[in-house]
Amino acid sequence: MTPYEIDGSLMSLAQAQSEYQASISTLTHNRADGTGPGAAGITAENIAYGPISRAMASWLDDQLHKDTLLGFTSGYVGAGMAADENGTVYFTLAMRRRSDTTQTSFIAPPAATQSGGTTSTGSGTPTVEPVLTVTPQKDGTIYHTAARGQTLWDIAISYGLTIVDLVTLNRLSPSNPIIYENQEILVQASYTPTVTPTITHTPLPPTRTLRPTFTPRAPRLTNTITPTLTATPKPLLPDVNFLQGDSRRTTAILLITICGVGLLVVVLTGVFKKRKP
């Protein structure tokens, strides 16, 4: 088995196909004019996007794509790459076998059987056939039945997912995610029902009973004492304002004298009465 020889025409065809895919940001084997790789004399073609390491891993993981790389004893090969406006890189590898080339491990599936982006007829001539997607079930679940030659890469591209998504959904080995023909691949899980919050009526606190308030009463009117004019009684003693100074001394002597004379008269009257027979 000899290595494939690089062919200039295949290099141009592969580069043109990569640039076309980058212009529409879609993986496809179809050319801009609607023809497939077989119309250009290409025996087998692999396409992929993303890092080259992931592209090679996806090709080697699938027997049909692997046979494009290693399935012929000799042949011609060309490769191309181009990036779209988002920076995503698209790869194309085109292979044409020689007339005397024999196949080593390539097993062509029945005619019109989908095989991960290419379909091989009974004669081994590849044609274009995209992966047919499946409509969701009532609960939203999508199961895709893997056909012969389909890879996780092909299925992921068809459903707008990544290989990591399919590995996680189907609990495959991250280091060696192998699938088999007729295997049910979970593409979309059932819808998660949204929990509707239950409205609970919280009773309102009891209304407080208002206590009666005391209305202040107006103060009672009290009788205001009205002063009345009363006549001032006349003094029993005469006005003694005149007894001032020398006149007061004279008056006092006069009163003493009168009292003494009266006392003397009383004494003498009593003496004379006792002496009468």
C-alpha atoms as a PDB file:
ATOM      1  CA  MET A   1       0.000   0.000   0.000  1.00  0.00           C
ATOM      2  CA  THR A   2       1.506   3.317  -1.106  1.00  0.00           C
ATOM      3  CA  PRO A   3       0.651   6.802   0.158  1.00  0.00           C
ATOM      4  CA  TYR A   4      -1.821   8.876  -1.812  1.00  0.00           C
ATOM      5  CA  GLU A   5      -0.285  11.324  -4.255  1.00  0.00           C
ATOM      6  CA  ILE A   6      -1.149  15.016  -3.989  1.00  0.00           C
ATOM      7  CA  ASP A   7      -3.073  16.111  -7.054  1.00  0.00           C
ATOM      8  CA  GLY A   8      -3.297  19.754  -8.104  1.00  0.00           C
ATOM      9  CA  SER A   9      -6.807  19.520  -9.512  1.00  0.00           C
ATOM     10  CA  LEU A  10      -8.078  17.871  -6.325  1.00  0.00           C
ATOM     11  CA  MET A  11      -6.363  20.574  -4.260  1.00  0.00           C
ATOM     12  CA  SER A  12      -8.275  23.216  -6.244  1.00  0.00           C
ATOM     13  CA  LEU A  13     -11.569  21.357  -5.941  1.00  0.00           C
ATOM     14  CA  ALA A  14     -11.129  20.832  -2.167  1.00  0.00           C
ATOM     15  CA  GLN A  15     -10.139  24.470  -1.610  1.00  0.00           C
ATOM     16  CA  ALA A  16     -13.117  25.719  -3.628  1.00  0.00           C
ATOM     17  CA  GLN A  17     -15.469  23.508  -1.613  1.00  0.00           C
ATOM     18  CA  SER A  18     -14.045  24.762   1.712  1.00  0.00           C
ATOM     19  CA  GLU A  19     -14.460  28.368   0.576  1.00  0.00           C
ATOM     20  CA  TYR A  20     -18.048  27.674  -0.468  1.00  0.00           C
ATOM     21  CA  GLN A  21     -18.885  26.127   2.893  1.00  0.00           C
ATOM     22  CA  ALA A  22     -17.294  29.083   4.690  1.00  0.00           C
ATOM     23  CA  SER A  23     -19.334  31.528   2.577  1.00  0.00           C
ATOM     24  CA  ILE A  24     -22.603  29.916   3.703  1.00  0.00           C
ATOM     25  CA  SER A  25     -21.303  28.831   7.160  1.00  0.00           C
ATOM     26  CA  THR A  26     -22.678  25.326   6.570  1.00  0.00           C
ATOM     27  CA  LEU A  27     -21.179  21.877   6.071  1.00  0.00           C
ATOM     28  CA  THR A  28     -22.262  20.445   2.731  1.00  0.00           C
ATOM     29  CA  HIS A  29     -20.993  18.170  -0.042  1.00  0.00           C
ATOM     30  CA  ASN A  30     -23.047  20.090  -2.587  1.00  0.00           C
ATOM     31  CA  ARG A  31     -21.242  22.583  -4.786  1.00  0.00           C
ATOM     32  CA  ALA A  32     -22.424  26.095  -5.497  1.00  0.00           C
ATOM     33  CA  ASP A  33     -23.961  24.870  -8.769  1.00  0.00           C
ATOM     34  CA  GLY A  34     -25.880  22.097  -6.965  1.00  0.00           C
ATOM     35  CA  THR A  35     -23.713  19.203  -8.170  1.00  0.00           C
ATOM     36  CA  GLY A  36     -21.980  16.730  -5.871  1.00  0.00           C
ATOM     37  CA  PRO A  37     -18.386  15.565  -5.593  1.00  0.00           C
ATOM     38  CA  GLY A  38     -18.993  12.672  -8.003  1.00  0.00           C
ATOM     39  CA  ALA A  39     -19.569  15.132 -10.858  1.00  0.00           C
ATOM     40  CA  ALA A  40     -15.967  16.320 -10.474  1.00  0.00           C
ATOM     41  CA  GLY A  41     -14.588  12.795 -10.545  1.00  0.00           C
ATOM     42  CA  ILE A  42     -14.053  12.591  -6.785  1.00  0.00           C
ATOM     43  CA  THR A  43     -14.255   9.065  -5.428  1.00  0.00           C
ATOM     44  CA  ALA A  44     -14.682   9.973  -1.756  1.00  0.00           C
ATOM     45  CA  GLU A  45     -14.818  13.225   0.170  1.00  0.00           C
ATOM     46  CA  ASN A  46     -14.639  14.110   3.857  1.00  0.00           C
ATOM     47  CA  ILE A  47     -15.719  17.483   5.255  1.00  0.00           C
ATOM     48  CA  ALA A  48     -15.572  18.922   8.764  1.00  0.00           C
ATOM     49  CA  TYR A  49     -15.252  22.187  10.631  1.00  0.00           C
ATOM     50  CA  GLY A  50     -13.512  23.337  13.802  1.00  0.00           C
ATOM     51  CA  PRO A  51     -10.012  22.481  14.995  1.00  0.00           C
ATOM     52  CA  ILE A  52      -8.181  20.100  12.687  1.00  0.00           C
ATOM     53  CA  SER A  53      -7.593  17.725  15.596  1.00  0.00           C
ATOM     54  CA  ARG A  54     -11.343  17.364  16.128  1.00  0.00           C
ATOM     55  CA  ALA A  55     -11.942  16.961  12.389  1.00  0.00           C
ATOM     56  CA  MET A  56      -9.416  14.125  12.151  1.00  0.00           C
ATOM     57  CA  ALA A  57     -10.823  12.476  15.281  1.00  0.00           C
ATOM     58  CA  SER A  58     -14.332  12.503  13.792  1.00  0.00           C
ATOM     59  CA  TRP A  59     -13.081  11.032  10.496  1.00  0.00           C
ATOM     60  CA  LEU A  60     -11.106   8.261  12.172  1.00  0.00           C
ATOM     61  CA  ASP A  61     -14.023   7.471  14.493  1.00  0.00           C
ATOM     62  CA  ASP A  62     -16.229   6.473  11.563  1.00  0.00           C
ATOM     63  CA  GLN A  63     -15.374   3.585   9.227  1.00  0.00           C
ATOM     64  CA  LEU A  64     -16.744   5.206   6.058  1.00  0.00           C
ATOM     65  CA  HIS A  65     -14.784   8.434   6.584  1.00  0.00           C
ATOM     66  CA  LYS A  66     -11.791   6.439   7.733  1.00  0.00           C
ATOM     67  CA  ASP A  67     -11.864   4.470   4.469  1.00  0.00           C
ATOM     68  CA  THR A  68     -11.543   7.745   2.566  1.00  0.00           C
ATOM     69  CA  LEU A  69      -8.189   8.153   4.281  1.00  0.00           C
ATOM     70  CA  LEU A  70      -6.978   4.543   4.408  1.00  0.00           C
ATOM     71  CA  GLY A  71      -9.388   2.390   2.432  1.00  0.00           C
ATOM     72  CA  PHE A  72      -7.593   2.323  -0.939  1.00  0.00           C
ATOM     73  CA  THR A  73      -4.228   0.850  -1.859  1.00  0.00           C
ATOM     74  CA  SER A  74      -3.337   3.965  -3.835  1.00  0.00           C
ATOM     75  CA  GLY A  75      -4.888   7.123  -5.213  1.00  0.00           C
ATOM     76  CA  TYR A  76      -4.781  10.889  -5.466  1.00  0.00           C
ATOM     77  CA  VAL A  77      -5.730  13.382  -2.758  1.00  0.00           C
ATOM     78  CA  GLY A  78      -6.300  17.073  -2.301  1.00  0.00           C
ATOM     79  CA  ALA A  79      -7.226  19.182   0.726  1.00  0.00           C
ATOM     80  CA  GLY A  80      -8.489  22.689   1.367  1.00  0.00           C
ATOM     81  CA  MET A  81      -9.491  24.931   4.260  1.00  0.00           C
ATOM     82  CA  ALA A  82     -11.220  28.284   4.655  1.00  0.00           C
ATOM     83  CA  ALA A  83     -12.670  30.326   7.529  1.00  0.00           C
ATOM     84  CA  ASP A  84     -15.982  32.145   7.640  1.00  0.00           C
ATOM     85  CA  GLU A  85     -16.544  35.636   9.049  1.00  0.00           C
ATOM     86  CA  ASN A  86     -16.880  34.192  12.571  1.00  0.00           C
ATOM     87  CA  GLY A  87     -13.519  32.451  12.377  1.00  0.00           C
ATOM     88  CA  THR A  88     -14.906  28.917  11.995  1.00  0.00           C
ATOM     89  CA  VAL A  89     -12.588  26.831   9.803  1.00  0.00           C
ATOM     90  CA  TYR A  90     -14.033  24.401   7.231  1.00  0.00           C
ATOM     91  CA  PHE A  91     -11.962  21.455   5.947  1.00  0.00           C
ATOM     92  CA  THR A  92     -12.386  19.418   2.780  1.00  0.00           C
ATOM     93  CA  LEU A  93     -10.431  16.290   1.816  1.00  0.00           C
ATOM     94  CA  ALA A  94     -11.098  14.930  -1.679  1.00  0.00           C
ATOM     95  CA  MET A  95      -9.794  11.548  -2.868  1.00  0.00           C
ATOM     96  CA  ARG A  96      -9.754   9.946  -6.308  1.00  0.00           C
ATOM     97  CA  ARG A  97      -8.622   6.377  -6.754  1.00  0.00           C
ATOM     98  CA  ARG A  98      -6.574   5.120  -9.636  1.00  0.00           C
ATOM     99  CA  SER A  99      -7.993   2.748 -12.183  1.00  0.00           C
ATOM    100  CA  ASP A 100      -5.907  -0.074 -10.797  1.00  0.00           C
ATOM    101  CA  THR A 101      -6.689   0.752  -7.157  1.00  0.00           C
ATOM    102  CA  THR A 102      -8.262  -1.913  -4.956  1.00  0.00           C
ATOM    103  CA  GLN A 103     -10.198  -1.353  -1.723  1.00  0.00           C
ATOM    104  CA  THR A 104      -8.726  -2.668   1.518  1.00  0.00           C
ATOM    105  CA  SER A 105     -11.543  -2.208   4.046  1.00  0.00           C
ATOM    106  CA  PHE A 106     -14.176  -0.097   2.326  1.00  0.00           C
ATOM    107  CA  ILE A 107     -17.578  -1.755   2.529  1.00  0.00           C
ATOM    108  CA  ALA A 108     -20.171   0.039   0.468  1.00  0.00           C
ATOM    109  CA  PRO A 109     -23.642   0.157   2.021  1.00  0.00           C
ATOM    110  CA  PRO A 110     -26.748  -0.485  -0.071  1.00  0.00           C
ATOM    111  CA  ALA A 111     -27.790   2.124  -2.579  1.00  0.00           C
ATOM    112  CA  ALA A 112     -29.274   5.373  -1.205  1.00  0.00           C
ATOM    113  CA  THR A 113     -28.333   4.486   2.383  1.00  0.00           C
ATOM    114  CA  GLN A 114     -27.371   7.623   4.360  1.00  0.00           C
ATOM    115  CA  SER A 115     -23.834   7.519   5.667  1.00  0.00           C
ATOM    116  CA  GLY A 116     -22.806  10.677   7.462  1.00  0.00           C
ATOM    117  CA  GLY A 117     -22.893  13.190   4.630  1.00  0.00           C
ATOM    118  CA  THR A 118     -22.161  10.740   1.805  1.00  0.00           C
ATOM    119  CA  THR A 119     -24.037   7.785   0.445  1.00  0.00           C
ATOM    120  CA  SER A 120     -22.294   4.945  -1.306  1.00  0.00           C
ATOM    121  CA  THR A 121     -24.008   2.961  -4.010  1.00  0.00           C
ATOM    122  CA  GLY A 122     -23.373  -0.705  -4.602  1.00  0.00           C
ATOM    123  CA  SER A 123     -20.588   0.167  -7.046  1.00  0.00           C
ATOM    124  CA  GLY A 124     -18.756   2.157  -4.403  1.00  0.00           C
ATOM    125  CA  THR A 125     -19.319   5.557  -6.071  1.00  0.00           C
ATOM    126  CA  PRO A 126     -20.173   8.118  -3.353  1.00  0.00           C
ATOM    127  CA  THR A 127     -23.095  10.504  -3.776  1.00  0.00           C
ATOM    128  CA  VAL A 128     -24.450  13.235  -1.481  1.00  0.00           C
ATOM    129  CA  GLU A 129     -27.170  12.464   1.045  1.00  0.00           C
ATOM    130  CA  PRO A 130     -27.632  14.590   4.198  1.00  0.00           C
ATOM    131  CA  VAL A 131     -28.565  13.068   7.534  1.00  0.00           C
ATOM    132  CA  LEU A 132     -32.346  13.030   7.869  1.00  0.00           C
ATOM    133  CA  THR A 133     -33.458  14.679  11.094  1.00  0.00           C
ATOM    134  CA  VAL A 134     -36.294  13.357  13.244  1.00  0.00           C
ATOM    135  CA  THR A 135     -39.239  15.396  14.488  1.00  0.00           C
ATOM    136  CA  PRO A 136     -39.696  15.631  18.258  1.00  0.00           C
ATOM    137  CA  GLN A 137     -42.139  13.392  20.076  1.00  0.00           C
ATOM    138  CA  LYS A 138     -45.048  14.795  22.086  1.00  0.00           C
ATOM    139  CA  ASP A 139     -42.884  15.323  25.157  1.00  0.00           C
ATOM    140  CA  GLY A 140     -40.140  16.963  23.084  1.00  0.00           C
ATOM    141  CA  THR A 141     -37.837  13.923  23.058  1.00  0.00           C
ATOM    142  CA  ILE A 142     -35.835  13.312  19.881  1.00  0.00           C
ATOM    143  CA  TYR A 143     -34.213   9.939  19.170  1.00  0.00           C
ATOM    144  CA  HIS A 144     -32.150   9.527  16.020  1.00  0.00           C
ATOM    145  CA  THR A 145     -31.514   6.028  14.695  1.00  0.00           C
ATOM    146  CA  ALA A 146     -27.909   5.871  13.570  1.00  0.00           C
ATOM    147  CA  ALA A 147     -27.648   4.569  10.003  1.00  0.00           C
ATOM    148  CA  ARG A 148     -24.666   2.721   8.649  1.00  0.00           C
ATOM    149  CA  GLY A 149     -21.617   4.980   8.423  1.00  0.00           C
ATOM    150  CA  GLN A 150     -23.092   7.870  10.468  1.00  0.00           C
ATOM    151  CA  THR A 151     -20.922   9.365  13.174  1.00  0.00           C
ATOM    152  CA  LEU A 152     -21.612  11.513  16.190  1.00  0.00           C
ATOM    153  CA  TRP A 153     -20.091  14.350  14.228  1.00  0.00           C
ATOM    154  CA  ASP A 154     -22.625  13.985  11.390  1.00  0.00           C
ATOM    155  CA  ILE A 155     -25.557  13.703  13.772  1.00  0.00           C
ATOM    156  CA  ALA A 156     -24.392  16.671  15.847  1.00  0.00           C
ATOM    157  CA  ILE A 157     -24.007  18.863  12.750  1.00  0.00           C
ATOM    158  CA  SER A 158     -27.460  17.910  11.461  1.00  0.00           C
ATOM    159  CA  TYR A 159     -29.178  18.843  14.734  1.00  0.00           C
ATOM    160  CA  GLY A 160     -27.090  21.893  15.503  1.00  0.00           C
ATOM    161  CA  LEU A 161     -25.354  20.265  18.466  1.00  0.00           C
ATOM    162  CA  THR A 162     -21.810  19.325  19.395  1.00  0.00           C
ATOM    163  CA  ILE A 163     -20.257  15.926  19.957  1.00  0.00           C
ATOM    164  CA  VAL A 164     -19.931  16.817  23.643  1.00  0.00           C
ATOM    165  CA  ASP A 165     -23.707  17.381  23.800  1.00  0.00           C
ATOM    166  CA  LEU A 166     -24.429  13.933  22.365  1.00  0.00           C
ATOM    167  CA  VAL A 167     -21.820  12.259  24.581  1.00  0.00           C
ATOM    168  CA  THR A 168     -23.412  13.850  27.651  1.00  0.00           C
ATOM    169  CA  LEU A 169     -27.012  13.049  26.662  1.00  0.00           C
ATOM    170  CA  ASN A 170     -26.217   9.410  25.841  1.00  0.00           C
ATOM    171  CA  ARG A 171     -23.655   8.844  28.615  1.00  0.00           C
ATOM    172  CA  LEU A 172     -20.988   7.750  26.178  1.00  0.00           C
ATOM    173  CA  SER A 173     -17.296   7.449  26.972  1.00  0.00           C
ATOM    174  CA  PRO A 174     -15.731  10.902  26.501  1.00  0.00           C
ATOM    175  CA  SER A 175     -12.422   9.346  25.463  1.00  0.00           C
ATOM    176  CA  ASN A 176     -13.932   6.841  22.993  1.00  0.00           C
ATOM    177  CA  PRO A 177     -17.508   7.806  22.016  1.00  0.00           C
ATOM    178  CA  ILE A 178     -18.446   4.918  19.712  1.00  0.00           C
ATOM    179  CA  ILE A 179     -21.922   4.399  18.264  1.00  0.00           C
ATOM    180  CA  TYR A 180     -23.299   1.506  16.228  1.00  0.00           C
ATOM    181  CA  GLU A 181     -25.671   1.052  13.334  1.00  0.00           C
ATOM    182  CA  ASN A 182     -29.358   1.222  14.356  1.00  0.00           C
ATOM    183  CA  GLN A 183     -28.412   2.607  17.781  1.00  0.00           C
ATOM    184  CA  GLU A 184     -30.953   5.032  19.238  1.00  0.00           C
ATOM    185  CA  ILE A 185     -29.122   8.312  19.852  1.00  0.00           C
ATOM    186  CA  LEU A 186     -30.822  10.742  22.221  1.00  0.00           C
ATOM    187  CA  VAL A 187     -30.624  14.131  20.555  1.00  0.00           C
ATOM    188  CA  GLN A 188     -33.015  16.083  22.743  1.00  0.00           C
ATOM    189  CA  ALA A 189     -34.363  15.239  26.168  1.00  0.00           C
ATOM    190  CA  SER A 190     -37.995  15.719  27.122  1.00  0.00           C
ATOM    191  CA  TYR A 191     -39.136  19.135  28.072  1.00  0.00           C
ATOM    192  CA  THR A 192     -38.731  19.898  31.731  1.00  0.00           C
ATOM    193  CA  PRO A 193     -42.157  20.940  33.037  1.00  0.00           C
ATOM    194  CA  THR A 194     -42.173  24.378  34.496  1.00  0.00           C
ATOM    195  CA  VAL A 195     -43.352  24.347  38.076  1.00  0.00           C
ATOM    196  CA  THR A 196     -46.280  26.702  38.403  1.00  0.00           C
ATOM    197  CA  PRO A 197     -46.202  28.444  41.746  1.00  0.00           C
ATOM    198  CA  THR A 198     -49.268  27.763  43.884  1.00  0.00           C
ATOM    199  CA  ILE A 199     -50.933  30.869  45.187  1.00  0.00           C
ATOM    200  CA  THR A 200     -51.761  30.532  48.867  1.00  0.00           C
ATOM    201  CA  HIS A 201     -54.120  32.947  50.487  1.00  0.00           C
ATOM    202  CA  THR A 202     -52.603  34.307  53.629  1.00  0.00           C
ATOM    203  CA  PRO A 203     -55.379  35.405  56.014  1.00  0.00           C
ATOM    204  CA  LEU A 204     -55.278  39.025  56.934  1.00  0.00           C
ATOM    205  CA  PRO A 205     -54.642  39.842  60.578  1.00  0.00           C
ATOM    206  CA  PRO A 206     -57.816  40.621  62.557  1.00  0.00           C
ATOM    207  CA  THR A 207     -58.913  44.200  62.474  1.00  0.00           C
ATOM    208  CA  ARG A 208     -58.277  45.920  65.750  1.00  0.00           C
ATOM    209  CA  THR A 209     -61.372  47.147  67.560  1.00  0.00           C
ATOM    210  CA  LEU A 210     -61.014  50.788  68.245  1.00  0.00           C
ATOM    211  CA  ARG A 211     -61.421  51.698  71.868  1.00  0.00           C
ATOM    212  CA  PRO A 212     -63.746  54.634  72.564  1.00  0.00           C
ATOM    213  CA  THR A 213     -61.885  57.774  73.310  1.00  0.00           C
ATOM    214  CA  PHE A 214     -63.029  60.179  75.988  1.00  0.00           C
ATOM    215  CA  THR A 215     -64.259  63.402  74.559  1.00  0.00           C
ATOM    216  CA  PRO A 216     -63.125  66.210  76.845  1.00  0.00           C
ATOM    217  CA  ARG A 217     -66.048  68.074  78.298  1.00  0.00           C
ATOM    218  CA  ALA A 218     -66.121  71.787  78.521  1.00  0.00           C
ATOM    219  CA  PRO A 219     -65.524  73.007  82.072  1.00  0.00           C
ATOM    220  CA  ARG A 220     -68.588  74.052  83.995  1.00  0.00           C
ATOM    221  CA  LEU A 221     -69.086  77.749  84.482  1.00  0.00           C
ATOM    222  CA  THR A 222     -68.487  78.889  88.027  1.00  0.00           C
ATOM    223  CA  ASN A 223     -70.203  81.883  89.572  1.00  0.00           C
ATOM    224  CA  THR A 224     -67.889  84.828  89.640  1.00  0.00           C
ATOM    225  CA  ILE A 225     -68.182  86.678  92.936  1.00  0.00           C
ATOM    226  CA  THR A 226     -69.212  90.189  92.186  1.00  0.00           C
ATOM    227  CA  PRO A 227     -68.127  92.594  94.943  1.00  0.00           C
ATOM    228  CA  THR A 228     -71.008  94.595  96.431  1.00  0.00           C
ATOM    229  CA  LEU A 229     -70.646  97.956  98.055  1.00  0.00           C
ATOM    230  CA  THR A 230     -71.546  97.996 101.742  1.00  0.00           C
ATOM    231  CA  ALA A 231     -71.853 101.107 103.879  1.00  0.00           C
ATOM    232  CA  THR A 232     -69.011 101.549 106.261  1.00  0.00           C
ATOM    233  CA  PRO A 233     -70.418 101.897 109.854  1.00  0.00           C
ATOM    234  CA  LYS A 234     -69.591 105.021 111.691  1.00  0.00           C
ATOM    235  CA  PRO A 235     -66.889 104.605 114.333  1.00  0.00           C
ATOM    236  CA  LEU A 236     -68.092 104.371 117.928  1.00  0.00           C
ATOM    237  CA  LEU A 237     -65.400 106.686 119.083  1.00  0.00           C
ATOM    238  CA  PRO A 238     -65.099 110.086 117.715  1.00  0.00           C
ATOM    239  CA  ASP A 239     -62.316 110.885 115.481  1.00  0.00           C
ATOM    240  CA  VAL A 240     -59.287 111.148 117.646  1.00  0.00           C
ATOM    241  CA  ASN A 241     -57.069 112.538 114.993  1.00  0.00           C
ATOM    242  CA  PHE A 242     -57.192 115.767 116.887  1.00  0.00           C
ATOM    243  CA  LEU A 243     -55.386 114.096 119.805  1.00  0.00           C
ATOM    244  CA  GLN A 244     -52.012 114.869 118.522  1.00  0.00           C
ATOM    245  CA  GLY A 245     -49.045 116.430 120.263  1.00  0.00           C
ATOM    246  CA  ASP A 246     -49.812 118.789 123.227  1.00  0.00           C
ATOM    247  CA  SER A 247     -53.572 118.445 122.850  1.00  0.00           C
ATOM    248  CA  ARG A 248     -53.288 114.724 123.536  1.00  0.00           C
ATOM    249  CA  ARG A 249     -51.424 115.328 126.805  1.00  0.00           C
ATOM    250  CA  THR A 250     -53.927 117.898 127.929  1.00  0.00           C
ATOM    251  CA  THR A 251     -56.804 115.581 127.163  1.00  0.00           C
ATOM    252  CA  ALA A 252     -55.186 112.801 129.161  1.00  0.00           C
ATOM    253  CA  ILE A 253     -54.695 115.011 132.217  1.00  0.00           C
ATOM    254  CA  LEU A 254     -58.271 116.166 131.966  1.00  0.00           C
ATOM    255  CA  LEU A 255     -59.607 112.611 131.850  1.00  0.00           C
ATOM    256  CA  ILE A 256     -57.481 111.568 134.839  1.00  0.00           C
ATOM    257  CA  THR A 257     -58.727 114.522 136.821  1.00  0.00           C
ATOM    258  CA  ILE A 258     -62.363 113.763 136.022  1.00  0.00           C
ATOM    259  CA  CYS A 259     -61.892 110.136 137.040  1.00  0.00           C
ATOM    260  CA  GLY A 260     -60.244 111.130 140.279  1.00  0.00           C
ATOM    261  CA  VAL A 261     -63.016 113.572 141.141  1.00  0.00           C
ATOM    262  CA  GLY A 262     -65.651 110.955 140.401  1.00  0.00           C
ATOM    263  CA  LEU A 263     -63.847 108.389 142.541  1.00  0.00           C
ATOM    264  CA  LEU A 264     -63.626 110.889 145.375  1.00  0.00           C
ATOM    265  CA  VAL A 265     -67.355 111.641 145.159  1.00  0.00           C
ATOM    266  CA  VAL A 266     -68.181 107.935 145.335  1.00  0.00           C
ATOM    267  CA  VAL A 267     -66.009 107.430 148.392  1.00  0.00           C
ATOM    268  CA  LEU A 268     -67.407 110.443 150.243  1.00  0.00           C
ATOM    269  CA  THR A 269     -70.994 109.405 149.463  1.00  0.00           C
ATOM    270  CA  GLY A 270     -70.424 106.030 150.996  1.00  0.00           C
ATOM    271  CA  VAL A 271     -68.876 107.470 154.141  1.00  0.00           C
ATOM    272  CA  PHE A 272     -71.766 109.853 154.757  1.00  0.00           C
ATOM    273  CA  LYS A 273     -74.344 107.084 154.372  1.00  0.00           C
ATOM    274  CA  LYS A 274     -72.708 104.906 157.041  1.00  0.00           C
ATOM    275  CA  ARG A 275     -72.763 107.769 159.626  1.00  0.00           C
ATOM    276  CA  LYS A 276     -76.465 108.459 159.536  1.00  0.00           C
ATOM    277  CA  PRO A 277     -78.451 107.017 162.614  1.00  0.00           C
END
